[in-house]
Protein backbone atom coordinates (compact mmCIF):
# COMPACT_ATOMS: atom_id res chain seq x y z
CA MET A 1 12.18 11.30 -7.97
CA ARG A 2 10.53 14.30 -9.57
CA ASN A 3 13.06 17.03 -10.35
CA HIS A 4 15.90 14.82 -9.12
CA ARG A 5 18.86 13.80 -11.24
CA GLN A 6 21.10 10.81 -10.76
CA VAL A 7 24.63 11.90 -9.88
CA PHE A 8 26.35 8.72 -8.68
CA VAL A 9 26.09 4.96 -9.00
CA LEU A 10 27.25 2.98 -5.98
CA HIS A 11 28.40 -0.65 -5.99
CA VAL A 12 29.34 -2.29 -2.68
CA GLY A 13 31.46 -5.41 -2.21
CA THR A 14 29.96 -8.69 -3.41
CA SER A 15 29.45 -10.00 0.12
CA GLN A 16 28.06 -6.69 1.38
CA SER A 17 24.68 -5.00 1.20
CA ILE A 18 23.17 -1.77 2.38
CA GLY A 19 19.57 -1.18 3.38
CA PRO A 20 17.53 1.58 1.75
CA ALA A 21 16.97 3.55 4.96
CA ASP A 22 20.65 3.42 5.87
CA LEU A 23 21.72 4.42 2.35
CA ARG A 24 19.21 7.26 2.29
CA ALA A 25 20.43 8.57 5.66
CA MET A 26 24.06 8.43 4.53
CA TRP A 27 23.30 10.15 1.21
CA ALA A 28 21.24 12.90 2.91
CA THR A 29 24.10 13.47 5.35
CA ALA A 30 26.64 13.59 2.51
CA CYS A 31 24.51 16.08 0.55
CA GLU A 32 23.52 18.04 3.65
CA SER A 33 19.99 17.98 2.25
CA LEU A 34 16.77 15.98 2.45
CA ASP A 35 16.09 16.73 -1.23
CA ILE A 36 17.59 13.39 -2.27
CA SER A 37 16.50 9.91 -3.26
CA VAL A 38 18.11 6.51 -3.70
CA ASN A 39 17.17 3.41 -5.63
CA ARG A 40 18.43 -0.13 -6.09
CA LYS A 41 18.80 -1.77 -9.47
CA MET A 42 19.12 -5.54 -9.76
CA THR A 43 21.19 -6.75 -12.69
CA GLY A 44 20.67 -10.49 -12.98
CA ALA A 45 23.12 -12.55 -10.94
CA SER A 46 25.38 -9.55 -10.30
CA PRO A 47 25.23 -7.62 -7.05
CA PRO A 48 22.81 -4.69 -7.15
CA SER A 49 23.81 -1.14 -7.97
CA TYR A 50 22.43 1.84 -6.12
CA GLY A 51 21.47 5.11 -7.78
CA LEU A 52 22.07 8.27 -5.76
CA TRP A 53 19.81 11.13 -6.81
CA VAL A 54 19.68 14.79 -5.79
CA GLY A 55 17.52 17.85 -6.31
CA GLU A 56 18.57 21.29 -7.50
CA ARG A 57 21.00 22.50 -4.82
CA PHE A 58 24.06 20.29 -4.76
CA ASP A 59 27.84 20.53 -4.28
CA ARG A 60 29.05 17.39 -6.08
CA LYS A 61 32.64 17.38 -4.82
CA SER A 62 31.78 17.94 -1.16
CA ALA A 63 28.97 15.37 -1.22
CA GLU A 64 31.22 12.80 -2.90
CA THR A 65 33.98 13.34 -0.35
CA ARG A 66 31.54 13.01 2.58
CA MET A 67 29.84 9.93 1.07
CA ARG A 68 33.16 8.19 0.52
CA GLY A 69 34.11 8.95 4.13
CA LEU A 70 30.83 7.56 5.46
CA LEU A 71 31.18 4.36 3.41
CA ILE A 72 34.80 3.86 4.48
CA ALA A 73 33.92 4.46 8.14
CA ARG A 74 31.33 1.67 7.95
CA GLY A 75 33.77 -0.77 6.36
CA TYR A 76 32.29 -0.92 2.88
CA ARG A 77 34.35 -1.91 -0.13
CA PHE A 78 32.79 0.09 -2.92
CA THR A 79 32.97 1.98 -6.17
CA LEU A 80 31.23 5.32 -6.48
CA THR A 81 30.90 6.37 -10.10
CA ASN A 82 29.96 9.87 -11.27
CA THR A 83 27.17 10.04 -13.81
CA ALA A 84 26.75 12.81 -16.36
CA PHE A 85 23.82 15.20 -16.03
């Protein structure tokens, strides 16, 4: 994740999960860029959280709107939290 910064944290519903390839494809589509990365963080017994990372060129509002639309279209219950950078 060199030169990438985390811009969102995603949590999906407790009975839901998302694979890394699928999440990466959705995030790249939302950002309209391949200069992205994703990671999963396990927090004990809680469901995992997913970090959404991006490179230099990035329109936060547009990407957030598109990502929310993609998640809703696939039936996810989720929270998408902005992170400071």
